[in-house]
Amino acid sequence: MLLTKIRLSGFKSFVDSAEIKLSTGLTGIVGPNGCGKSNVVDAVKWVLGESRVSELRSGQSKDIIFNGSGSRAAAGRASVELIFDNSDGSLKGMWGGFSEISVQRTITSDGSSNLSINGQSVRKRDVQDLFSGTGLGPRAYAIVGQGSIKNIIEARPEELRFLLKRLLEFQSIERAGERRKVASETVRQTSYGLMILFKNLTNKLKVLLHKPNLRQSIKKKFGKNLRWSMKS
């Protein structure tokens, strides 16, 4: 799994539509203070389900929409889309068969919002389930901000132990969630297979029971204990 593109429009300082392409190696975003580098990280966290406005460095949800400037009018909508290369099949579930997966989140100035995966509207939980077990999420260890690095460097031994304990607990929960997801998918596929098998057997039985000699033989053997559900 690889994040290949980030598309932003109306999100914070990105008043115009922008696309950031990421390579397979390290990608750096360089610029002066205040140019919006941190807004890119905020955008990724927001799409992955972050709902705490403090983590997005905003006062309220709609503050992430471009608020206007001396030369530009305020935007009425903010949108961020993450494009993932899933050719290695890292992402499972109902979207696991797609080699490319798009996760998009939008919000309008009236407060309405929408989340979608490959153009299909979904719940926040569906996005979280999609990335379960990958280490990617709004509060996962895959995203480390400036404040987090500073806290780790300056942490006292007991604080560092607490952080490591939280990380191990998170990984354990992620693995358990992945096992439940795999088990649920196995049950779903098995149920579907049994339904198809039952349908095929029923169709074959209907064909056989329409043969007069076989039907009379069954009636003679089972008598009144046999209930016919088909019309002669």
C-alpha atoms as a PDB file:
ATOM      1  CA  MET A   1       0.000   0.000   0.000  1.00  0.00           C
ATOM      2  CA  LEU A   2       1.305   3.404  -0.963  1.00  0.00           C
ATOM      3  CA  LEU A   3      -0.164   6.891  -0.700  1.00  0.00           C
ATOM      4  CA  THR A   4       0.445   8.282  -4.185  1.00  0.00           C
ATOM      5  CA  LYS A   5      -1.597  11.496  -4.374  1.00  0.00           C
ATOM      6  CA  ILE A   6      -3.182  14.091  -2.099  1.00  0.00           C
ATOM      7  CA  ARG A   7      -5.797  16.324  -3.718  1.00  0.00           C
ATOM      8  CA  LEU A   8      -6.952  19.414  -1.847  1.00  0.00           C
ATOM      9  CA  SER A   9      -9.497  22.097  -2.632  1.00  0.00           C
ATOM     10  CA  GLY A  10     -10.696  24.828  -0.289  1.00  0.00           C
ATOM     11  CA  PHE A  11      -8.968  23.184   2.682  1.00  0.00           C
ATOM     12  CA  LYS A  12      -7.360  25.814   4.926  1.00  0.00           C
ATOM     13  CA  SER A  13      -4.735  27.678   2.862  1.00  0.00           C
ATOM     14  CA  PHE A  14      -5.386  25.559  -0.258  1.00  0.00           C
ATOM     15  CA  VAL A  15      -8.044  27.818  -1.743  1.00  0.00           C
ATOM     16  CA  ASP A  16      -7.321  26.565  -5.277  1.00  0.00           C
ATOM     17  CA  SER A  17      -7.347  22.902  -6.246  1.00  0.00           C
ATOM     18  CA  ALA A  18      -3.935  21.327  -5.737  1.00  0.00           C
ATOM     19  CA  GLU A  19      -2.488  17.870  -6.233  1.00  0.00           C
ATOM     20  CA  ILE A  20       0.563  16.585  -4.386  1.00  0.00           C
ATOM     21  CA  LYS A  21       2.205  13.525  -5.956  1.00  0.00           C
ATOM     22  CA  LEU A  22       4.203  11.221  -3.704  1.00  0.00           C
ATOM     23  CA  SER A  23       6.928   8.876  -4.941  1.00  0.00           C
ATOM     24  CA  THR A  24       7.947   5.462  -3.615  1.00  0.00           C
ATOM     25  CA  GLY A  25      10.909   6.968  -1.753  1.00  0.00           C
ATOM     26  CA  LEU A  26      11.014   9.871   0.665  1.00  0.00           C
ATOM     27  CA  THR A  27       9.034  12.961  -0.295  1.00  0.00           C
ATOM     28  CA  GLY A  28       9.751  16.319   1.310  1.00  0.00           C
ATOM     29  CA  ILE A  29       7.538  19.407   1.294  1.00  0.00           C
ATOM     30  CA  VAL A  30       9.733  22.471   1.713  1.00  0.00           C
ATOM     31  CA  GLY A  31       8.709  26.085   2.221  1.00  0.00           C
ATOM     32  CA  PRO A  32       8.872  29.095   4.538  1.00  0.00           C
ATOM     33  CA  ASN A  33       6.942  29.376   7.780  1.00  0.00           C
ATOM     34  CA  GLY A  34       3.228  29.865   7.234  1.00  0.00           C
ATOM     35  CA  CYS A  35       3.129  28.492   3.679  1.00  0.00           C
ATOM     36  CA  GLY A  36       0.830  25.578   4.653  1.00  0.00           C
ATOM     37  CA  LYS A  37       3.183  22.601   5.105  1.00  0.00           C
ATOM     38  CA  SER A  38       1.428  21.506   8.311  1.00  0.00           C
ATOM     39  CA  ASN A  39      -1.937  21.859   6.583  1.00  0.00           C
ATOM     40  CA  VAL A  40      -1.024  18.875   4.409  1.00  0.00           C
ATOM     41  CA  VAL A  41      -0.636  16.683   7.503  1.00  0.00           C
ATOM     42  CA  ASP A  42      -3.905  18.085   8.898  1.00  0.00           C
ATOM     43  CA  ALA A  43      -5.618  17.197   5.616  1.00  0.00           C
ATOM     44  CA  VAL A  44      -4.442  13.581   5.768  1.00  0.00           C
ATOM     45  CA  LYS A  45      -5.530  13.210   9.401  1.00  0.00           C
ATOM     46  CA  TRP A  46      -8.912  14.773   8.609  1.00  0.00           C
ATOM     47  CA  VAL A  47      -9.669  12.338   5.788  1.00  0.00           C
ATOM     48  CA  LEU A  48      -8.643   9.391   7.965  1.00  0.00           C
ATOM     49  CA  GLY A  49     -11.316  10.388  10.497  1.00  0.00           C
ATOM     50  CA  GLU A  50      -9.837  12.956  12.872  1.00  0.00           C
ATOM     51  CA  SER A  51     -12.748  14.811  14.491  1.00  0.00           C
ATOM     52  CA  ARG A  52     -11.011  16.768  17.244  1.00  0.00           C
ATOM     53  CA  VAL A  53     -10.678  20.310  15.932  1.00  0.00           C
ATOM     54  CA  SER A  54      -7.783  20.940  18.314  1.00  0.00           C
ATOM     55  CA  GLU A  55      -5.771  18.270  16.477  1.00  0.00           C
ATOM     56  CA  LEU A  56      -6.519  20.095  13.225  1.00  0.00           C
ATOM     57  CA  ARG A  57      -5.456  23.412  14.785  1.00  0.00           C
ATOM     58  CA  SER A  58      -8.909  24.908  14.285  1.00  0.00           C
ATOM     59  CA  GLY A  59     -11.584  26.449  16.464  1.00  0.00           C
ATOM     60  CA  GLN A  60     -14.543  24.573  14.969  1.00  0.00           C
ATOM     61  CA  SER A  61     -15.182  22.082  12.168  1.00  0.00           C
ATOM     62  CA  LYS A  62     -15.990  24.608   9.446  1.00  0.00           C
ATOM     63  CA  ASP A  63     -12.800  26.567  10.203  1.00  0.00           C
ATOM     64  CA  ILE A  64     -10.902  24.145   7.961  1.00  0.00           C
ATOM     65  CA  ILE A  65     -12.674  25.770   4.980  1.00  0.00           C
ATOM     66  CA  PHE A  66     -10.675  28.635   3.439  1.00  0.00           C
ATOM     67  CA  ASN A  67     -11.963  31.725   5.216  1.00  0.00           C
ATOM     68  CA  GLY A  68     -11.046  34.317   2.600  1.00  0.00           C
ATOM     69  CA  SER A  69      -8.360  36.980   2.418  1.00  0.00           C
ATOM     70  CA  GLY A  70      -7.915  40.537   1.228  1.00  0.00           C
ATOM     71  CA  SER A  71      -7.877  39.393  -2.390  1.00  0.00           C
ATOM     72  CA  ARG A  72      -9.836  36.119  -2.310  1.00  0.00           C
ATOM     73  CA  ALA A  73     -13.403  35.348  -1.278  1.00  0.00           C
ATOM     74  CA  ALA A  74     -14.095  32.631   1.261  1.00  0.00           C
ATOM     75  CA  ALA A  75     -14.667  29.136  -0.088  1.00  0.00           C
ATOM     76  CA  GLY A  76     -17.988  27.435   0.512  1.00  0.00           C
ATOM     77  CA  ARG A  77     -16.582  23.935   0.523  1.00  0.00           C
ATOM     78  CA  ALA A  78     -13.435  22.034   1.493  1.00  0.00           C
ATOM     79  CA  SER A  79     -12.417  18.713  -0.005  1.00  0.00           C
ATOM     80  CA  VAL A  80      -9.451  16.396   0.476  1.00  0.00           C
ATOM     81  CA  GLU A  81      -8.885  13.147  -1.418  1.00  0.00           C
ATOM     82  CA  LEU A  82      -6.216  10.534  -0.738  1.00  0.00           C
ATOM     83  CA  ILE A  83      -5.258   8.131  -3.537  1.00  0.00           C
ATOM     84  CA  PHE A  84      -3.661   4.821  -2.530  1.00  0.00           C
ATOM     85  CA  ASP A  85      -1.898   2.254  -4.688  1.00  0.00           C
ATOM     86  CA  ASN A  86      -3.203  -1.109  -3.471  1.00  0.00           C
ATOM     87  CA  SER A  87      -1.621  -3.283  -6.168  1.00  0.00           C
ATOM     88  CA  ASP A  88       0.043  -5.385  -3.434  1.00  0.00           C
ATOM     89  CA  GLY A  89      -3.364  -6.152  -1.873  1.00  0.00           C
ATOM     90  CA  SER A  90      -2.475  -4.728   1.558  1.00  0.00           C
ATOM     91  CA  LEU A  91      -5.976  -3.305   2.012  1.00  0.00           C
ATOM     92  CA  LYS A  92      -8.587  -6.044   2.414  1.00  0.00           C
ATOM     93  CA  GLY A  93     -12.354  -6.190   2.728  1.00  0.00           C
ATOM     94  CA  MET A  94     -14.895  -5.158   0.109  1.00  0.00           C
ATOM     95  CA  TRP A  95     -12.434  -2.720  -1.520  1.00  0.00           C
ATOM     96  CA  GLY A  96      -9.456  -5.049  -1.380  1.00  0.00           C
ATOM     97  CA  GLY A  97      -9.907  -6.078  -5.007  1.00  0.00           C
ATOM     98  CA  PHE A  98      -9.180  -2.556  -6.290  1.00  0.00           C
ATOM     99  CA  SER A  99      -5.610  -1.755  -7.306  1.00  0.00           C
ATOM    100  CA  GLU A 100      -6.299   1.934  -6.620  1.00  0.00           C
ATOM    101  CA  ILE A 101      -8.399   3.195  -3.726  1.00  0.00           C
ATOM    102  CA  SER A 102      -9.671   6.751  -3.256  1.00  0.00           C
ATOM    103  CA  VAL A 103     -10.756   8.065   0.137  1.00  0.00           C
ATOM    104  CA  GLN A 104     -12.374  11.507   0.061  1.00  0.00           C
ATOM    105  CA  ARG A 105     -13.890  13.773   2.696  1.00  0.00           C
ATOM    106  CA  THR A 106     -15.797  17.001   2.072  1.00  0.00           C
ATOM    107  CA  ILE A 107     -17.457  19.633   4.229  1.00  0.00           C
ATOM    108  CA  THR A 108     -19.554  22.659   3.275  1.00  0.00           C
ATOM    109  CA  SER A 109     -19.995  25.995   5.016  1.00  0.00           C
ATOM    110  CA  ASP A 110     -23.457  24.963   6.251  1.00  0.00           C
ATOM    111  CA  GLY A 111     -21.836  22.121   8.237  1.00  0.00           C
ATOM    112  CA  SER A 112     -22.827  19.147   6.069  1.00  0.00           C
ATOM    113  CA  SER A 113     -20.087  16.643   5.316  1.00  0.00           C
ATOM    114  CA  ASN A 114     -19.501  13.426   3.416  1.00  0.00           C
ATOM    115  CA  LEU A 115     -16.997  10.578   3.369  1.00  0.00           C
ATOM    116  CA  SER A 116     -16.548   8.299   0.380  1.00  0.00           C
ATOM    117  CA  ILE A 117     -14.414   5.373  -0.740  1.00  0.00           C
ATOM    118  CA  ASN A 118     -14.046   5.025  -4.507  1.00  0.00           C
ATOM    119  CA  GLY A 119     -16.975   7.403  -4.949  1.00  0.00           C
ATOM    120  CA  GLN A 120     -19.319   5.473  -2.637  1.00  0.00           C
ATOM    121  CA  SER A 121     -20.573   7.267   0.490  1.00  0.00           C
ATOM    122  CA  VAL A 122     -19.471   5.498   3.668  1.00  0.00           C
ATOM    123  CA  ARG A 123     -19.329   5.965   7.441  1.00  0.00           C
ATOM    124  CA  LYS A 124     -16.255   7.063   9.350  1.00  0.00           C
ATOM    125  CA  ARG A 125     -16.115   3.549  10.802  1.00  0.00           C
ATOM    126  CA  ASP A 126     -15.791   2.114   7.283  1.00  0.00           C
ATOM    127  CA  VAL A 127     -12.689   4.225   6.654  1.00  0.00           C
ATOM    128  CA  GLN A 128     -11.207   3.133   9.972  1.00  0.00           C
ATOM    129  CA  ASP A 129     -11.930  -0.521   9.151  1.00  0.00           C
ATOM    130  CA  LEU A 130     -10.319  -0.111   5.734  1.00  0.00           C
ATOM    131  CA  PHE A 131      -6.990   0.841   7.311  1.00  0.00           C
ATOM    132  CA  SER A 132      -7.258  -1.469  10.322  1.00  0.00           C
ATOM    133  CA  GLY A 133      -3.958  -3.247  10.912  1.00  0.00           C
ATOM    134  CA  THR A 134      -1.946  -0.938   8.646  1.00  0.00           C
ATOM    135  CA  GLY A 135      -0.834   1.535  11.317  1.00  0.00           C
ATOM    136  CA  LEU A 136      -2.562   4.330   9.419  1.00  0.00           C
ATOM    137  CA  GLY A 137      -5.242   6.414  11.114  1.00  0.00           C
ATOM    138  CA  PRO A 138      -5.932   9.875  12.563  1.00  0.00           C
ATOM    139  CA  ARG A 139      -4.163   9.041  15.835  1.00  0.00           C
ATOM    140  CA  ALA A 140      -1.963   6.156  14.707  1.00  0.00           C
ATOM    141  CA  TYR A 141       1.793   5.978  15.045  1.00  0.00           C
ATOM    142  CA  ALA A 142       2.225   6.361  11.257  1.00  0.00           C
ATOM    143  CA  ILE A 143       1.565  10.124  11.588  1.00  0.00           C
ATOM    144  CA  VAL A 144       3.977  11.952  13.870  1.00  0.00           C
ATOM    145  CA  GLY A 145       3.688  15.727  14.202  1.00  0.00           C
ATOM    146  CA  GLN A 146       6.157  18.333  15.404  1.00  0.00           C
ATOM    147  CA  GLY A 147       4.728  18.389  18.905  1.00  0.00           C
ATOM    148  CA  SER A 148       4.883  14.587  19.146  1.00  0.00           C
ATOM    149  CA  ILE A 149       8.581  14.501  18.246  1.00  0.00           C
ATOM    150  CA  LYS A 150       9.350  17.224  20.786  1.00  0.00           C
ATOM    151  CA  ASN A 151       7.422  15.363  23.485  1.00  0.00           C
ATOM    152  CA  ILE A 152       9.306  12.125  22.809  1.00  0.00           C
ATOM    153  CA  ILE A 153      12.718  13.797  22.830  1.00  0.00           C
ATOM    154  CA  GLU A 154      12.026  15.691  26.051  1.00  0.00           C
ATOM    155  CA  ALA A 155      10.062  12.895  27.759  1.00  0.00           C
ATOM    156  CA  ARG A 156      11.128  11.686  31.185  1.00  0.00           C
ATOM    157  CA  PRO A 157      11.770   7.914  31.532  1.00  0.00           C
ATOM    158  CA  GLU A 158       8.325   7.249  33.041  1.00  0.00           C
ATOM    159  CA  GLU A 159       6.632   9.282  30.278  1.00  0.00           C
ATOM    160  CA  LEU A 160       8.563   7.381  27.612  1.00  0.00           C
ATOM    161  CA  ARG A 161       7.542   4.069  29.163  1.00  0.00           C
ATOM    162  CA  PHE A 162       3.905   5.242  29.064  1.00  0.00           C
ATOM    163  CA  LEU A 163       4.202   6.181  25.362  1.00  0.00           C
ATOM    164  CA  LEU A 164       5.754   2.806  24.503  1.00  0.00           C
ATOM    165  CA  LYS A 165       3.046   1.016  26.464  1.00  0.00           C
ATOM    166  CA  ARG A 166       0.347   2.930  24.571  1.00  0.00           C
ATOM    167  CA  LEU A 167       2.005   1.975  21.275  1.00  0.00           C
ATOM    168  CA  LEU A 168       2.107  -1.727  22.180  1.00  0.00           C
ATOM    169  CA  GLU A 169      -1.535  -1.616  23.306  1.00  0.00           C
ATOM    170  CA  PHE A 170      -2.529   0.095  20.068  1.00  0.00           C
ATOM    171  CA  GLN A 171      -0.721  -2.535  17.981  1.00  0.00           C
ATOM    172  CA  SER A 172      -2.433  -5.304  19.964  1.00  0.00           C
ATOM    173  CA  ILE A 173      -5.861  -3.736  19.381  1.00  0.00           C
ATOM    174  CA  GLU A 174      -5.085  -3.300  15.683  1.00  0.00           C
ATOM    175  CA  ARG A 175      -4.095  -6.974  15.337  1.00  0.00           C
ATOM    176  CA  ALA A 176      -7.246  -8.098  17.166  1.00  0.00           C
ATOM    177  CA  GLY A 177      -9.350  -5.880  14.915  1.00  0.00           C
ATOM    178  CA  GLU A 178      -7.700  -7.345  11.829  1.00  0.00           C
ATOM    179  CA  ARG A 179      -8.396 -10.896  13.046  1.00  0.00           C
ATOM    180  CA  ARG A 180     -12.066 -10.020  13.632  1.00  0.00           C
ATOM    181  CA  LYS A 181     -12.304  -8.471  10.179  1.00  0.00           C
ATOM    182  CA  VAL A 182     -10.791 -11.567   8.534  1.00  0.00           C
ATOM    183  CA  ALA A 183     -13.114 -13.858  10.522  1.00  0.00           C
ATOM    184  CA  SER A 184     -16.143 -11.761   9.558  1.00  0.00           C
ATOM    185  CA  GLU A 185     -15.164 -11.845   5.882  1.00  0.00           C
ATOM    186  CA  THR A 186     -14.699 -15.646   6.059  1.00  0.00           C
ATOM    187  CA  VAL A 187     -18.175 -16.097   7.580  1.00  0.00           C
ATOM    188  CA  ARG A 188     -19.688 -13.843   4.903  1.00  0.00           C
ATOM    189  CA  GLN A 189     -18.038 -15.768   2.060  1.00  0.00           C
ATOM    190  CA  THR A 190     -19.008 -19.124   3.600  1.00  0.00           C
ATOM    191  CA  SER A 191     -22.635 -18.017   4.007  1.00  0.00           C
ATOM    192  CA  TYR A 192     -22.736 -16.855   0.409  1.00  0.00           C
ATOM    193  CA  GLY A 193     -21.252 -20.159  -0.779  1.00  0.00           C
ATOM    194  CA  LEU A 194     -23.821 -22.171   1.210  1.00  0.00           C
ATOM    195  CA  MET A 195     -26.652 -20.056  -0.197  1.00  0.00           C
ATOM    196  CA  ILE A 196     -25.488 -20.731  -3.764  1.00  0.00           C
ATOM    197  CA  LEU A 197     -25.110 -24.459  -3.011  1.00  0.00           C
ATOM    198  CA  PHE A 198     -28.623 -24.623  -1.514  1.00  0.00           C
ATOM    199  CA  LYS A 199     -30.072 -22.829  -4.535  1.00  0.00           C
ATOM    200  CA  ASN A 200     -28.368 -25.247  -6.955  1.00  0.00           C
ATOM    201  CA  LEU A 201     -29.512 -28.299  -4.998  1.00  0.00           C
ATOM    202  CA  THR A 202     -33.075 -26.969  -4.844  1.00  0.00           C
ATOM    203  CA  ASN A 203     -33.149 -26.448  -8.616  1.00  0.00           C
ATOM    204  CA  LYS A 204     -31.833 -29.963  -9.222  1.00  0.00           C
ATOM    205  CA  LEU A 205     -34.396 -31.421  -6.822  1.00  0.00           C
ATOM    206  CA  LYS A 206     -37.220 -29.623  -8.618  1.00  0.00           C
ATOM    207  CA  VAL A 207     -36.109 -31.152 -11.924  1.00  0.00           C
ATOM    208  CA  LEU A 208     -35.943 -34.640 -10.426  1.00  0.00           C
ATOM    209  CA  LEU A 209     -39.354 -34.389  -8.724  1.00  0.00           C
ATOM    210  CA  HIS A 210     -41.010 -33.534 -12.019  1.00  0.00           C
ATOM    211  CA  LYS A 211     -40.162 -37.032 -13.265  1.00  0.00           C
ATOM    212  CA  PRO A 212     -43.404 -39.071 -12.699  1.00  0.00           C
ATOM    213  CA  ASN A 213     -41.783 -42.409 -11.830  1.00  0.00           C
ATOM    214  CA  LEU A 214     -39.404 -40.901  -9.268  1.00  0.00           C
ATOM    215  CA  ARG A 215     -42.165 -38.829  -7.695  1.00  0.00           C
ATOM    216  CA  GLN A 216     -44.464 -41.835  -7.282  1.00  0.00           C
ATOM    217  CA  SER A 217     -41.633 -43.826  -5.753  1.00  0.00           C
ATOM    218  CA  ILE A 218     -40.936 -41.094  -3.189  1.00  0.00           C
ATOM    219  CA  LYS A 219     -44.645 -40.829  -2.336  1.00  0.00           C
ATOM    220  CA  LYS A 220     -44.864 -44.572  -1.816  1.00  0.00           C
ATOM    221  CA  LYS A 221     -41.811 -44.622   0.466  1.00  0.00           C
ATOM    222  CA  PHE A 222     -42.550 -41.591   2.658  1.00  0.00           C
ATOM    223  CA  GLY A 223     -46.329 -41.432   2.376  1.00  0.00           C
ATOM    224  CA  LYS A 224     -48.066 -38.711   4.365  1.00  0.00           C
ATOM    225  CA  ASN A 225     -44.814 -37.646   6.054  1.00  0.00           C
ATOM    226  CA  LEU A 226     -43.756 -35.925   2.811  1.00  0.00           C
ATOM    227  CA  ARG A 227     -45.094 -32.440   2.184  1.00  0.00           C
ATOM    228  CA  TRP A 228     -45.024 -31.221  -1.393  1.00  0.00           C
ATOM    229  CA  SER A 229     -44.097 -27.595  -1.772  1.00  0.00           C
ATOM    230  CA  MET A 230     -44.335 -27.606  -5.565  1.00  0.00           C
ATOM    231  CA  LYS A 231     -47.346 -27.674  -7.819  1.00  0.00           C
ATOM    232  CA  SER A 232     -47.808 -30.764  -9.982  1.00  0.00           C
END
